[in-house]
Amino acid sequence: MCLKLSSKEKRKKEGSYEMKIHQLHDEIDLLNSCLKIVDSQSSKVETSDVKFKKFFEEGLTGNFISDGEGKILDCNRSFLEIYGYDSKLEIIGKDITIVYKNKVEFEIIKQRLKNEKKIKNL
């Protein structure tokens, strides 16, 4: 048994498909716009990351990153030279107090960082 649609029903069905196709095109356009924004933001973050890495690695100051307990996670070449190390492998994972002459002062600084989140003009 085969049902035949009237021409009015066919136009209505085709119109429904066309409307769905237009909606899909609009959604695709919106997604493409979102992707362009995300792409733009990603490149900005990447640029910022590259700048930070260059500042950290190539700076003349001895830079280091430690965890909340004072274990060294990373440092730059200047840090190694200042404190007499040849390789990051010698210092990564060590307690930062090994480079502080006054361990009490370090504990005070650590406490200030916990309370204030950053210290200026140390």
N, C-alpha and C. Protein backbone atom coordinates (compact mmCIF):
# COMPACT_ATOMS: atom_id res chain seq x y z
N MET A 1 0.84 -1.17 0.00
CA MET A 1 0.00 0.00 0.00
C MET A 1 0.89 1.24 0.00
N CYS A 2 0.66 2.12 -0.86
CA CYS A 2 1.46 3.33 -1.02
C CYS A 2 0.55 4.54 -0.86
N LEU A 3 0.98 5.42 0.08
CA LEU A 3 0.20 6.64 0.29
C LEU A 3 0.80 7.77 -0.50
N LYS A 4 -0.03 8.55 -1.10
CA LYS A 4 0.44 9.70 -1.86
C LYS A 4 0.09 10.95 -1.08
N LEU A 5 1.10 11.84 -0.98
CA LEU A 5 0.85 13.12 -0.32
C LEU A 5 0.32 14.11 -1.34
N SER A 6 -0.57 14.92 -0.87
CA SER A 6 -1.05 15.98 -1.76
C SER A 6 0.06 17.00 -1.92
N SER A 7 -0.03 17.84 -2.95
CA SER A 7 1.00 18.84 -3.17
C SER A 7 1.07 19.82 -2.01
N LYS A 8 -0.05 20.09 -1.35
CA LYS A 8 -0.06 20.98 -0.19
C LYS A 8 0.73 20.35 0.96
N GLU A 9 0.54 19.05 1.16
CA GLU A 9 1.25 18.33 2.23
C GLU A 9 2.75 18.25 1.92
N LYS A 10 3.07 18.05 0.64
CA LYS A 10 4.48 18.00 0.22
C LYS A 10 5.17 19.33 0.50
N ARG A 11 4.51 20.45 0.12
CA ARG A 11 5.09 21.78 0.36
C ARG A 11 5.27 22.03 1.85
N LYS A 12 4.30 21.61 2.64
CA LYS A 12 4.38 21.79 4.09
C LYS A 12 5.57 21.01 4.66
N LYS A 13 5.72 19.77 4.20
CA LYS A 13 6.83 18.92 4.66
C LYS A 13 8.17 19.50 4.21
N GLU A 14 8.26 19.95 2.96
CA GLU A 14 9.49 20.54 2.44
C GLU A 14 9.83 21.82 3.20
N GLY A 15 8.83 22.61 3.49
CA GLY A 15 9.03 23.84 4.26
C GLY A 15 9.57 23.54 5.65
N SER A 16 9.08 22.47 6.24
CA SER A 16 9.55 22.06 7.57
C SER A 16 11.04 21.67 7.50
N TYR A 17 11.41 20.92 6.45
CA TYR A 17 12.81 20.54 6.28
C TYR A 17 13.69 21.76 6.06
N GLU A 18 13.21 22.69 5.23
CA GLU A 18 13.98 23.91 4.95
C GLU A 18 14.19 24.72 6.23
N MET A 19 13.14 24.78 7.07
CA MET A 19 13.26 25.51 8.33
C MET A 19 14.31 24.84 9.23
N LYS A 20 14.29 23.52 9.28
CA LYS A 20 15.27 22.80 10.10
C LYS A 20 16.68 23.00 9.56
N ILE A 21 16.81 23.01 8.25
CA ILE A 21 18.12 23.23 7.63
C ILE A 21 18.62 24.64 7.97
N HIS A 22 17.74 25.64 7.90
CA HIS A 22 18.13 27.01 8.25
C HIS A 22 18.54 27.10 9.72
N GLN A 23 17.82 26.41 10.59
CA GLN A 23 18.16 26.41 12.01
C GLN A 23 19.53 25.78 12.23
N LEU A 24 19.79 24.67 11.52
CA LEU A 24 21.10 24.02 11.63
C LEU A 24 22.22 24.94 11.14
N HIS A 25 21.97 25.65 10.03
CA HIS A 25 22.97 26.59 9.51
C HIS A 25 23.25 27.69 10.54
N ASP A 26 22.18 28.20 11.18
CA ASP A 26 22.35 29.24 12.21
C ASP A 26 23.17 28.70 13.38
N GLU A 27 22.88 27.47 13.79
CA GLU A 27 23.62 26.86 14.91
C GLU A 27 25.08 26.63 14.53
N ILE A 28 25.32 26.22 13.30
CA ILE A 28 26.70 26.02 12.83
C ILE A 28 27.44 27.35 12.81
N ASP A 29 26.77 28.41 12.33
CA ASP A 29 27.39 29.74 12.33
C ASP A 29 27.74 30.19 13.74
N LEU A 30 26.83 29.94 14.68
CA LEU A 30 27.09 30.30 16.07
C LEU A 30 28.28 29.52 16.63
N LEU A 31 28.32 28.22 16.35
CA LEU A 31 29.44 27.40 16.82
C LEU A 31 30.76 27.88 16.21
N ASN A 32 30.75 28.22 14.93
CA ASN A 32 31.96 28.73 14.29
C ASN A 32 32.43 30.03 14.93
N SER A 33 31.47 30.91 15.27
CA SER A 33 31.83 32.16 15.95
C SER A 33 32.45 31.87 17.31
N CYS A 34 31.87 30.92 18.04
CA CYS A 34 32.41 30.54 19.35
C CYS A 34 33.82 29.97 19.21
N LEU A 35 34.02 29.14 18.20
CA LEU A 35 35.34 28.55 17.97
C LEU A 35 36.38 29.63 17.67
N LYS A 36 36.00 30.65 16.90
CA LYS A 36 36.93 31.75 16.60
C LYS A 36 37.32 32.48 17.87
N ILE A 37 36.34 32.70 18.75
CA ILE A 37 36.63 33.38 20.03
C ILE A 37 37.57 32.54 20.87
N VAL A 38 37.27 31.24 20.99
CA VAL A 38 38.12 30.34 21.78
C VAL A 38 39.52 30.30 21.20
N ASP A 39 39.60 30.22 19.87
CA ASP A 39 40.90 30.21 19.19
C ASP A 39 41.69 31.47 19.50
N SER A 40 41.02 32.61 19.44
CA SER A 40 41.66 33.89 19.72
C SER A 40 42.18 33.94 21.16
N GLN A 41 41.34 33.49 22.10
CA GLN A 41 41.74 33.49 23.52
C GLN A 41 42.89 32.52 23.76
N SER A 42 42.85 31.37 23.09
CA SER A 42 43.93 30.39 23.24
C SER A 42 45.26 30.96 22.81
N SER A 43 45.26 31.69 21.69
CA SER A 43 46.53 32.26 21.22
C SER A 43 47.02 33.34 22.18
N LYS A 44 46.08 34.08 22.81
CA LYS A 44 46.49 35.09 23.79
C LYS A 44 47.11 34.42 25.00
N VAL A 45 46.51 33.33 25.47
CA VAL A 45 47.05 32.59 26.61
C VAL A 45 48.41 32.01 26.25
N GLU A 46 48.52 31.48 25.04
CA GLU A 46 49.78 30.91 24.58
C GLU A 46 50.87 31.99 24.57
N THR A 47 50.53 33.17 24.05
CA THR A 47 51.48 34.28 24.01
C THR A 47 51.89 34.67 25.42
N SER A 48 50.93 34.75 26.31
CA SER A 48 51.21 35.10 27.70
C SER A 48 52.10 34.04 28.35
N ASP A 49 51.82 32.78 28.07
CA ASP A 49 52.60 31.68 28.61
C ASP A 49 54.05 31.75 28.12
N VAL A 50 54.23 32.05 26.84
CA VAL A 50 55.57 32.17 26.26
C VAL A 50 56.32 33.32 26.91
N LYS A 51 55.64 34.45 27.12
CA LYS A 51 56.27 35.61 27.76
C LYS A 51 56.70 35.27 29.18
N PHE A 52 55.82 34.62 29.93
CA PHE A 52 56.15 34.26 31.31
C PHE A 52 57.33 33.31 31.33
N LYS A 53 57.30 32.29 30.48
CA LYS A 53 58.39 31.31 30.44
C LYS A 53 59.72 31.99 30.12
N LYS A 54 59.71 32.92 29.17
CA LYS A 54 60.93 33.65 28.80
C LYS A 54 61.41 34.50 29.98
N PHE A 55 60.47 35.21 30.63
CA PHE A 55 60.81 36.03 31.80
C PHE A 55 61.40 35.16 32.90
N PHE A 56 60.76 34.03 33.16
CA PHE A 56 61.20 33.14 34.23
C PHE A 56 62.57 32.53 33.92
N GLU A 57 62.70 31.97 32.73
CA GLU A 57 63.92 31.23 32.36
C GLU A 57 65.12 32.14 32.09
N GLU A 58 64.89 33.28 31.45
CA GLU A 58 66.01 34.09 30.99
C GLU A 58 66.32 35.27 31.89
N GLY A 59 65.58 35.43 32.96
CA GLY A 59 65.80 36.55 33.86
C GLY A 59 67.15 36.49 34.55
N LEU A 60 67.68 37.64 34.89
CA LEU A 60 68.95 37.70 35.60
C LEU A 60 68.77 37.39 37.09
N THR A 61 67.53 37.52 37.56
CA THR A 61 67.25 37.22 38.97
C THR A 61 67.07 35.72 39.13
N GLY A 62 67.35 35.24 40.32
CA GLY A 62 67.17 33.82 40.62
C GLY A 62 65.71 33.54 40.90
N ASN A 63 65.01 32.99 39.93
CA ASN A 63 63.59 32.72 40.08
C ASN A 63 63.37 31.25 40.43
N PHE A 64 62.38 31.01 41.29
CA PHE A 64 62.02 29.64 41.60
C PHE A 64 60.53 29.55 41.87
N ILE A 65 60.01 28.34 41.76
CA ILE A 65 58.62 28.06 42.10
C ILE A 65 58.66 26.95 43.13
N SER A 66 57.90 27.15 44.21
CA SER A 66 57.84 26.10 45.23
C SER A 66 56.39 25.82 45.58
N ASP A 67 56.16 24.67 46.19
CA ASP A 67 54.81 24.36 46.64
C ASP A 67 54.57 25.00 48.00
N GLY A 68 53.41 24.78 48.58
CA GLY A 68 53.06 25.40 49.85
C GLY A 68 53.91 24.96 51.02
N GLU A 69 54.56 23.83 50.86
CA GLU A 69 55.43 23.33 51.93
C GLU A 69 56.87 23.80 51.78
N GLY A 70 57.17 24.50 50.68
CA GLY A 70 58.52 25.00 50.47
C GLY A 70 59.42 24.09 49.65
N LYS A 71 58.85 23.06 49.02
CA LYS A 71 59.65 22.18 48.14
C LYS A 71 59.79 22.86 46.78
N ILE A 72 61.01 22.89 46.28
CA ILE A 72 61.29 23.55 44.99
C ILE A 72 60.74 22.69 43.85
N LEU A 73 59.90 23.33 43.02
CA LEU A 73 59.31 22.64 41.88
C LEU A 73 60.03 22.97 40.57
N ASP A 74 60.56 24.19 40.50
CA ASP A 74 61.28 24.62 39.30
C ASP A 74 62.12 25.84 39.64
N CYS A 75 63.13 26.09 38.84
CA CYS A 75 63.97 27.27 39.01
C CYS A 75 64.63 27.59 37.68
N ASN A 76 65.19 28.78 37.61
CA ASN A 76 65.87 29.15 36.36
C ASN A 76 67.39 29.01 36.51
N ARG A 77 68.07 29.22 35.42
CA ARG A 77 69.53 29.08 35.36
C ARG A 77 70.21 30.04 36.33
N SER A 78 69.71 31.28 36.42
CA SER A 78 70.31 32.26 37.34
C SER A 78 70.23 31.78 38.78
N PHE A 79 69.12 31.19 39.16
CA PHE A 79 68.96 30.65 40.51
C PHE A 79 70.05 29.61 40.78
N LEU A 80 70.25 28.72 39.81
CA LEU A 80 71.29 27.68 39.96
C LEU A 80 72.67 28.32 40.13
N GLU A 81 72.97 29.32 39.31
CA GLU A 81 74.28 29.97 39.37
C GLU A 81 74.48 30.70 40.69
N ILE A 82 73.44 31.42 41.14
CA ILE A 82 73.54 32.18 42.39
C ILE A 82 73.83 31.26 43.56
N TYR A 83 73.18 30.10 43.59
CA TYR A 83 73.31 29.20 44.73
C TYR A 83 74.29 28.05 44.51
N GLY A 84 75.01 28.09 43.38
CA GLY A 84 76.09 27.15 43.17
C GLY A 84 75.70 25.75 42.73
N TYR A 85 74.61 25.63 42.02
CA TYR A 85 74.18 24.33 41.50
C TYR A 85 74.45 24.26 40.01
N ASP A 86 74.72 23.06 39.52
CA ASP A 86 74.99 22.87 38.10
C ASP A 86 73.73 22.46 37.32
N SER A 87 72.79 21.83 38.00
CA SER A 87 71.64 21.27 37.31
C SER A 87 70.38 21.39 38.18
N LYS A 88 69.25 21.52 37.52
CA LYS A 88 67.98 21.54 38.24
C LYS A 88 67.77 20.24 39.02
N LEU A 89 68.30 19.15 38.49
CA LEU A 89 68.13 17.86 39.14
C LEU A 89 68.69 17.86 40.57
N GLU A 90 69.68 18.72 40.81
CA GLU A 90 70.28 18.81 42.15
C GLU A 90 69.36 19.50 43.15
N ILE A 91 68.45 20.30 42.68
CA ILE A 91 67.66 21.14 43.60
C ILE A 91 66.16 20.86 43.60
N ILE A 92 65.62 20.37 42.48
CA ILE A 92 64.18 20.10 42.41
C ILE A 92 63.80 19.08 43.48
N GLY A 93 62.75 19.42 44.22
CA GLY A 93 62.28 18.53 45.29
C GLY A 93 62.88 18.83 46.66
N LYS A 94 63.94 19.64 46.67
CA LYS A 94 64.58 20.01 47.93
C LYS A 94 63.78 21.11 48.61
N ASP A 95 63.98 21.25 49.90
CA ASP A 95 63.31 22.31 50.64
C ASP A 95 64.01 23.63 50.37
N ILE A 96 63.22 24.66 50.12
CA ILE A 96 63.77 25.98 49.78
C ILE A 96 64.64 26.54 50.90
N THR A 97 64.46 26.06 52.11
CA THR A 97 65.26 26.59 53.23
C THR A 97 66.75 26.30 53.07
N ILE A 98 67.11 25.40 52.14
CA ILE A 98 68.55 25.14 51.95
C ILE A 98 69.27 26.35 51.36
N VAL A 99 68.53 27.29 50.77
CA VAL A 99 69.19 28.47 50.23
C VAL A 99 69.00 29.69 51.12
N TYR A 100 68.26 29.56 52.20
CA TYR A 100 68.07 30.66 53.14
C TYR A 100 69.05 30.50 54.30
N LYS A 101 69.77 31.56 54.58
CA LYS A 101 70.70 31.52 55.72
C LYS A 101 69.92 31.62 57.03
N ASN A 102 68.85 32.41 57.00
CA ASN A 102 68.06 32.61 58.20
C ASN A 102 66.73 31.88 58.04
N LYS A 103 66.64 30.70 58.61
CA LYS A 103 65.46 29.85 58.45
C LYS A 103 64.23 30.46 59.14
N VAL A 104 64.43 31.21 60.21
CA VAL A 104 63.32 31.88 60.90
C VAL A 104 62.70 32.92 59.97
N GLU A 105 63.57 33.66 59.27
CA GLU A 105 63.08 34.67 58.33
C GLU A 105 62.23 34.02 57.24
N PHE A 106 62.68 32.87 56.76
CA PHE A 106 61.91 32.16 55.74
C PHE A 106 60.53 31.77 56.27
N GLU A 107 60.46 31.28 57.47
CA GLU A 107 59.17 30.90 58.06
C GLU A 107 58.25 32.11 58.17
N ILE A 108 58.81 33.27 58.50
CA ILE A 108 58.02 34.51 58.58
C ILE A 108 57.49 34.87 57.18
N ILE A 109 58.36 34.78 56.18
CA ILE A 109 57.96 35.07 54.80
C ILE A 109 56.87 34.10 54.35
N LYS A 110 57.05 32.83 54.65
CA LYS A 110 56.07 31.81 54.27
C LYS A 110 54.71 32.11 54.92
N GLN A 111 54.72 32.50 56.18
CA GLN A 111 53.48 32.82 56.87
C GLN A 111 52.81 34.05 56.27
N ARG A 112 53.63 35.06 55.94
CA ARG A 112 53.08 36.26 55.29
C ARG A 112 52.44 35.93 53.95
N LEU A 113 53.11 35.06 53.19
CA LEU A 113 52.55 34.65 51.90
C LEU A 113 51.21 33.94 52.07
N LYS A 114 51.11 33.08 53.07
CA LYS A 114 49.85 32.39 53.32
C LYS A 114 48.75 33.38 53.67
N ASN A 115 49.09 34.39 54.47
CA ASN A 115 48.09 35.36 54.92
C ASN A 115 47.77 36.41 53.87
N GLU A 116 48.81 36.96 53.22
CA GLU A 116 48.63 38.10 52.31
C GLU A 116 48.55 37.71 50.84
N LYS A 117 48.93 36.49 50.50
CA LYS A 117 48.92 35.96 49.13
C LYS A 117 50.02 36.51 48.23
N LYS A 118 50.61 37.67 48.56
CA LYS A 118 51.77 38.18 47.85
C LYS A 118 52.48 39.18 48.73
N ILE A 119 53.77 39.35 48.46
CA ILE A 119 54.57 40.29 49.26
C ILE A 119 55.28 41.22 48.29
N LYS A 120 55.20 42.52 48.58
CA LYS A 120 55.90 43.51 47.76
C LYS A 120 57.10 44.03 48.55
N ASN A 121 58.13 44.42 47.83
CA ASN A 121 59.31 45.07 48.41
C ASN A 121 59.91 44.27 49.57
N LEU A 122 60.15 43.02 49.32
CA LEU A 122 60.75 42.17 50.36
C LEU A 122 62.22 42.42 50.48
